[in-house]
Amino acid sequence: MPTQRARDRAVRVFNAYWFALCRAWVRFGRAGLAVGLVVYVAVLLLVGLVMGGADRPWP
């Protein structure tokens, strides 16, 4: 189970990312939002593979 410090760090990273995504949307419009969302999904997939998929084989 994660500690409170790890949760706080995760919340800070999450908030910083969404702030950057909103800034990109304001600055670059739909293109900035699209690129930001693609990066977000790619990072989620990468973290999911590293954290959850490492202990089980690929289907």
PDB file of N, CA and C in Angstrom:
ATOM      1  N   MET A   1       0.842  -1.182   0.000  1.00  0.00           N
ATOM      2  CA  MET A   1       0.000   0.000   0.000  1.00  0.00           C
ATOM      3  C   MET A   1       0.892   1.253   0.000  1.00  0.00           C
ATOM      4  N   PRO A   2       0.613   2.210  -0.875  1.00  0.00           N
ATOM      5  CA  PRO A   2       1.474   3.391  -0.947  1.00  0.00           C
ATOM      6  C   PRO A   2       1.362   4.262   0.307  1.00  0.00           C
ATOM      7  N   THR A   3       2.464   4.894   0.610  1.00  0.00           N
ATOM      8  CA  THR A   3       2.481   5.789   1.760  1.00  0.00           C
ATOM      9  C   THR A   3       1.821   7.114   1.399  1.00  0.00           C
ATOM     10  N   GLN A   4       1.573   7.914   2.411  1.00  0.00           N
ATOM     11  CA  GLN A   4       0.956   9.224   2.179  1.00  0.00           C
ATOM     12  C   GLN A   4       1.869  10.103   1.331  1.00  0.00           C
ATOM     13  N   ARG A   5       3.172   9.991   1.552  1.00  0.00           N
ATOM     14  CA  ARG A   5       4.127  10.795   0.784  1.00  0.00           C
ATOM     15  C   ARG A   5       4.077  10.432  -0.703  1.00  0.00           C
ATOM     16  N   ALA A   6       3.980   9.134  -0.988  1.00  0.00           N
ATOM     17  CA  ALA A   6       3.890   8.690  -2.384  1.00  0.00           C
ATOM     18  C   ALA A   6       2.589   9.166  -3.014  1.00  0.00           C
ATOM     19  N   ARG A   7       1.505   9.125  -2.257  1.00  0.00           N
ATOM     20  CA  ARG A   7       0.227   9.623  -2.786  1.00  0.00           C
ATOM     21  C   ARG A   7       0.293  11.114  -3.067  1.00  0.00           C
ATOM     22  N   ASP A   8       0.894  11.864  -2.137  1.00  0.00           N
ATOM     23  CA  ASP A   8       1.024  13.309  -2.344  1.00  0.00           C
ATOM     24  C   ASP A   8       1.840  13.608  -3.593  1.00  0.00           C
ATOM     25  N   ARG A   9       2.909  12.865  -3.794  1.00  0.00           N
ATOM     26  CA  ARG A   9       3.748  13.065  -4.974  1.00  0.00           C
ATOM     27  C   ARG A   9       2.968  12.736  -6.242  1.00  0.00           C
ATOM     28  N   ALA A  10       2.195  11.654  -6.211  1.00  0.00           N
ATOM     29  CA  ALA A  10       1.397  11.273  -7.377  1.00  0.00           C
ATOM     30  C   ALA A  10       0.353  12.334  -7.695  1.00  0.00           C
ATOM     31  N   VAL A  11      -0.273  12.888  -6.667  1.00  0.00           N
ATOM     32  CA  VAL A  11      -1.267  13.942  -6.887  1.00  0.00           C
ATOM     33  C   VAL A  11      -0.605  15.181  -7.468  1.00  0.00           C
ATOM     34  N   ARG A  12       0.581  15.530  -6.974  1.00  0.00           N
ATOM     35  CA  ARG A  12       1.298  16.692  -7.516  1.00  0.00           C
ATOM     36  C   ARG A  12       1.656  16.494  -8.983  1.00  0.00           C
ATOM     37  N   VAL A  13       2.123  15.308  -9.334  1.00  0.00           N
ATOM     38  CA  VAL A  13       2.471  15.028 -10.731  1.00  0.00           C
ATOM     39  C   VAL A  13       1.225  15.077 -11.605  1.00  0.00           C
ATOM     40  N   PHE A  14       0.142  14.484 -11.139  1.00  0.00           N
ATOM     41  CA  PHE A  14      -1.121  14.488 -11.877  1.00  0.00           C
ATOM     42  C   PHE A  14      -1.607  15.916 -12.105  1.00  0.00           C
ATOM     43  N   ASN A  15      -1.599  16.725 -11.060  1.00  0.00           N
ATOM     44  CA  ASN A  15      -2.055  18.109 -11.187  1.00  0.00           C
ATOM     45  C   ASN A  15      -1.147  18.918 -12.107  1.00  0.00           C
ATOM     46  N   ALA A  16       0.157  18.704 -12.013  1.00  0.00           N
ATOM     47  CA  ALA A  16       1.086  19.427 -12.882  1.00  0.00           C
ATOM     48  C   ALA A  16       0.851  19.060 -14.344  1.00  0.00           C
ATOM     49  N   TYR A  17       0.591  17.776 -14.605  1.00  0.00           N
ATOM     50  CA  TYR A  17       0.340  17.369 -15.983  1.00  0.00           C
ATOM     51  C   TYR A  17      -0.924  18.020 -16.521  1.00  0.00           C
ATOM     52  N   TRP A  18      -2.010  17.995 -15.756  1.00  0.00           N
ATOM     53  CA  TRP A  18      -3.264  18.575 -16.243  1.00  0.00           C
ATOM     54  C   TRP A  18      -3.159  20.082 -16.394  1.00  0.00           C
ATOM     55  N   PHE A  19      -2.375  20.743 -15.543  1.00  0.00           N
ATOM     56  CA  PHE A  19      -2.138  22.171 -15.712  1.00  0.00           C
ATOM     57  C   PHE A  19      -1.393  22.427 -17.019  1.00  0.00           C
ATOM     58  N   ALA A  20      -0.375  21.616 -17.298  1.00  0.00           N
ATOM     59  CA  ALA A  20       0.373  21.764 -18.549  1.00  0.00           C
ATOM     60  C   ALA A  20      -0.513  21.471 -19.755  1.00  0.00           C
ATOM     61  N   LEU A  21      -1.397  20.487 -19.637  1.00  0.00           N
ATOM     62  CA  LEU A  21      -2.312  20.166 -20.729  1.00  0.00           C
ATOM     63  C   LEU A  21      -3.257  21.335 -21.008  1.00  0.00           C
ATOM     64  N   CYS A  22      -3.787  21.927 -19.962  1.00  0.00           N
ATOM     65  CA  CYS A  22      -4.675  23.091 -20.150  1.00  0.00           C
ATOM     66  C   CYS A  22      -3.924  24.268 -20.752  1.00  0.00           C
ATOM     67  N   ARG A  23      -2.689  24.477 -20.318  1.00  0.00           N
ATOM     68  CA  ARG A  23      -1.878  25.556 -20.899  1.00  0.00           C
ATOM     69  C   ARG A  23      -1.620  25.310 -22.376  1.00  0.00           C
ATOM     70  N   ALA A  24      -1.324  24.058 -22.742  1.00  0.00           N
ATOM     71  CA  ALA A  24      -1.093  23.731 -24.155  1.00  0.00           C
ATOM     72  C   ALA A  24      -2.357  23.951 -24.964  1.00  0.00           C
ATOM     73  N   TRP A  25      -3.499  23.638 -24.386  1.00  0.00           N
ATOM     74  CA  TRP A  25      -4.773  23.836 -25.078  1.00  0.00           C
ATOM     75  C   TRP A  25      -5.011  25.315 -25.329  1.00  0.00           C
ATOM     76  N   VAL A  26      -4.764  26.136 -24.325  1.00  0.00           N
ATOM     77  CA  VAL A  26      -4.958  27.582 -24.483  1.00  0.00           C
ATOM     78  C   VAL A  26      -3.972  28.145 -25.501  1.00  0.00           C
ATOM     79  N   ARG A  27      -2.740  27.682 -25.446  1.00  0.00           N
ATOM     80  CA  ARG A  27      -1.710  28.244 -26.318  1.00  0.00           C
ATOM     81  C   ARG A  27      -1.805  27.731 -27.754  1.00  0.00           C
ATOM     82  N   PHE A  28      -2.041  26.436 -27.935  1.00  0.00           N
ATOM     83  CA  PHE A  28      -1.983  25.841 -29.271  1.00  0.00           C
ATOM     84  C   PHE A  28      -3.328  25.360 -29.794  1.00  0.00           C
ATOM     85  N   GLY A  29      -4.366  25.476 -29.006  1.00  0.00           N
ATOM     86  CA  GLY A  29      -5.691  25.068 -29.464  1.00  0.00           C
ATOM     87  C   GLY A  29      -5.858  23.560 -29.448  1.00  0.00           C
ATOM     88  N   ARG A  30      -6.626  23.081 -30.410  1.00  0.00           N
ATOM     89  CA  ARG A  30      -6.927  21.638 -30.451  1.00  0.00           C
ATOM     90  C   ARG A  30      -5.687  20.789 -30.661  1.00  0.00           C
ATOM     91  N   ALA A  31      -4.723  21.298 -31.419  1.00  0.00           N
ATOM     92  CA  ALA A  31      -3.504  20.519 -31.659  1.00  0.00           C
ATOM     93  C   ALA A  31      -2.759  20.268 -30.346  1.00  0.00           C
ATOM     94  N   GLY A  32      -2.657  21.282 -29.516  1.00  0.00           N
ATOM     95  CA  GLY A  32      -1.987  21.116 -28.224  1.00  0.00           C
ATOM     96  C   GLY A  32      -2.716  20.136 -27.333  1.00  0.00           C
ATOM     97  N   LEU A  33      -4.037  20.216 -27.337  1.00  0.00           N
ATOM     98  CA  LEU A  33      -4.836  19.292 -26.533  1.00  0.00           C
ATOM     99  C   LEU A  33      -4.686  17.864 -27.043  1.00  0.00           C
ATOM    100  N   ALA A  34      -4.709  17.695 -28.353  1.00  0.00           N
ATOM    101  CA  ALA A  34      -4.590  16.355 -28.934  1.00  0.00           C
ATOM    102  C   ALA A  34      -3.232  15.736 -28.612  1.00  0.00           C
ATOM    103  N   VAL A  35      -2.172  16.504 -28.778  1.00  0.00           N
ATOM    104  CA  VAL A  35      -0.833  15.986 -28.485  1.00  0.00           C
ATOM    105  C   VAL A  35      -0.716  15.652 -27.000  1.00  0.00           C
ATOM    106  N   GLY A  36      -1.243  16.515 -26.156  1.00  0.00           N
ATOM    107  CA  GLY A  36      -1.191  16.262 -24.720  1.00  0.00           C
ATOM    108  C   GLY A  36      -1.931  15.001 -24.329  1.00  0.00           C
ATOM    109  N   LEU A  37      -3.092  14.778 -24.915  1.00  0.00           N
ATOM    110  CA  LEU A  37      -3.859  13.571 -24.595  1.00  0.00           C
ATOM    111  C   LEU A  37      -3.175  12.315 -25.114  1.00  0.00           C
ATOM    112  N   VAL A  38      -2.554  12.399 -26.282  1.00  0.00           N
ATOM    113  CA  VAL A  38      -1.816  11.246 -26.816  1.00  0.00           C
ATOM    114  C   VAL A  38      -0.648  10.903 -25.898  1.00  0.00           C
ATOM    115  N   VAL A  39       0.065  11.912 -25.437  1.00  0.00           N
ATOM    116  CA  VAL A  39       1.175  11.670 -24.512  1.00  0.00           C
ATOM    117  C   VAL A  39       0.654  11.066 -23.213  1.00  0.00           C
ATOM    118  N   TYR A  40      -0.475  11.565 -22.734  1.00  0.00           N
ATOM    119  CA  TYR A  40      -1.071  11.049 -21.497  1.00  0.00           C
ATOM    120  C   TYR A  40      -1.410   9.566 -21.625  1.00  0.00           C
ATOM    121  N   VAL A  41      -2.049   9.188 -22.710  1.00  0.00           N
ATOM    122  CA  VAL A  41      -2.416   7.787 -22.922  1.00  0.00           C
ATOM    123  C   VAL A  41      -1.167   6.926 -23.076  1.00  0.00           C
ATOM    124  N   ALA A  42      -0.165   7.430 -23.781  1.00  0.00           N
ATOM    125  CA  ALA A  42       1.070   6.670 -23.957  1.00  0.00           C
ATOM    126  C   ALA A  42       1.758   6.430 -22.617  1.00  0.00           C
ATOM    127  N   VAL A  43       1.790   7.445 -21.771  1.00  0.00           N
ATOM    128  CA  VAL A  43       2.418   7.283 -20.453  1.00  0.00           C
ATOM    129  C   VAL A  43       1.620   6.300 -19.604  1.00  0.00           C
ATOM    130  N   LEU A  44       0.292   6.386 -19.654  1.00  0.00           N
ATOM    131  CA  LEU A  44      -0.525   5.428 -18.900  1.00  0.00           C
ATOM    132  C   LEU A  44      -0.262   3.998 -19.359  1.00  0.00           C
ATOM    133  N   LEU A  45      -0.179   3.788 -20.665  1.00  0.00           N
ATOM    134  CA  LEU A  45       0.099   2.445 -21.175  1.00  0.00           C
ATOM    135  C   LEU A  45       1.481   1.966 -20.754  1.00  0.00           C
ATOM    136  N   LEU A  46       2.461   2.852 -20.833  1.00  0.00           N
ATOM    137  CA  LEU A  46       3.817   2.486 -20.445  1.00  0.00           C
ATOM    138  C   LEU A  46       3.885   2.129 -18.964  1.00  0.00           C
ATOM    139  N   VAL A  47       3.288   2.951 -18.128  1.00  0.00           N
ATOM    140  CA  VAL A  47       3.287   2.667 -16.691  1.00  0.00           C
ATOM    141  C   VAL A  47       2.525   1.376 -16.410  1.00  0.00           C
ATOM    142  N   GLY A  48       1.423   1.164 -17.095  1.00  0.00           N
ATOM    143  CA  GLY A  48       0.666  -0.069 -16.904  1.00  0.00           C
ATOM    144  C   GLY A  48       1.458  -1.300 -17.287  1.00  0.00           C
ATOM    145  N   LEU A  49       2.211  -1.208 -18.370  1.00  0.00           N
ATOM    146  CA  LEU A  49       3.031  -2.345 -18.781  1.00  0.00           C
ATOM    147  C   LEU A  49       4.171  -2.590 -17.811  1.00  0.00           C
ATOM    148  N   VAL A  50       4.796  -1.523 -17.349  1.00  0.00           N
ATOM    149  CA  VAL A  50       5.929  -1.679 -16.439  1.00  0.00           C
ATOM    150  C   VAL A  50       5.465  -2.155 -15.068  1.00  0.00           C
ATOM    151  N   MET A  51       4.410  -1.549 -14.548  1.00  0.00           N
ATOM    152  CA  MET A  51       3.980  -1.870 -13.186  1.00  0.00           C
ATOM    153  C   MET A  51       3.119  -3.131 -13.123  1.00  0.00           C
ATOM    154  N   GLY A  52       2.173  -3.267 -14.036  1.00  0.00           N
ATOM    155  CA  GLY A  52       1.237  -4.373 -13.919  1.00  0.00           C
ATOM    156  C   GLY A  52       1.520  -5.536 -14.836  1.00  0.00           C
ATOM    157  N   GLY A  53       2.168  -5.285 -15.951  1.00  0.00           N
ATOM    158  CA  GLY A  53       2.348  -6.337 -16.928  1.00  0.00           C
ATOM    159  C   GLY A  53       3.651  -7.084 -16.811  1.00  0.00           C
ATOM    160  N   ALA A  54       4.515  -6.657 -15.915  1.00  0.00           N
ATOM    161  CA  ALA A  54       5.827  -7.282 -15.828  1.00  0.00           C
ATOM    162  C   ALA A  54       5.764  -8.683 -15.231  1.00  0.00           C
ATOM    163  N   ASP A  55       4.756  -8.948 -14.410  1.00  0.00           N
ATOM    164  CA  ASP A  55       4.721 -10.236 -13.730  1.00  0.00           C
ATOM    165  C   ASP A  55       3.850 -11.268 -14.436  1.00  0.00           C
ATOM    166  N   ARG A  56       3.300 -10.925 -15.575  1.00  0.00           N
ATOM    167  CA  ARG A  56       2.495 -11.908 -16.310  1.00  0.00           C
ATOM    168  C   ARG A  56       2.837 -11.834 -17.797  1.00  0.00           C
ATOM    169  N   PRO A  57       2.759 -12.949 -18.483  1.00  0.00           N
ATOM    170  CA  PRO A  57       3.146 -12.957 -19.899  1.00  0.00           C
ATOM    171  C   PRO A  57       2.146 -12.211 -20.775  1.00  0.00           C
ATOM    172  N   TRP A  58       2.617 -11.831 -21.936  1.00  0.00           N
ATOM    173  CA  TRP A  58       1.764 -11.162 -22.915  1.00  0.00           C
ATOM    174  C   TRP A  58       0.712 -12.158 -23.407  1.00  0.00           C
ATOM    175  N   PRO A  59      -0.545 -11.750 -23.523  1.00  0.00           N
ATOM    176  CA  PRO A  59      -1.599 -12.709 -23.922  1.00  0.00           C
ATOM    177  C   PRO A  59      -1.405 -13.271 -25.316  1.00  0.00           C
TER     178      PRO A  59
END
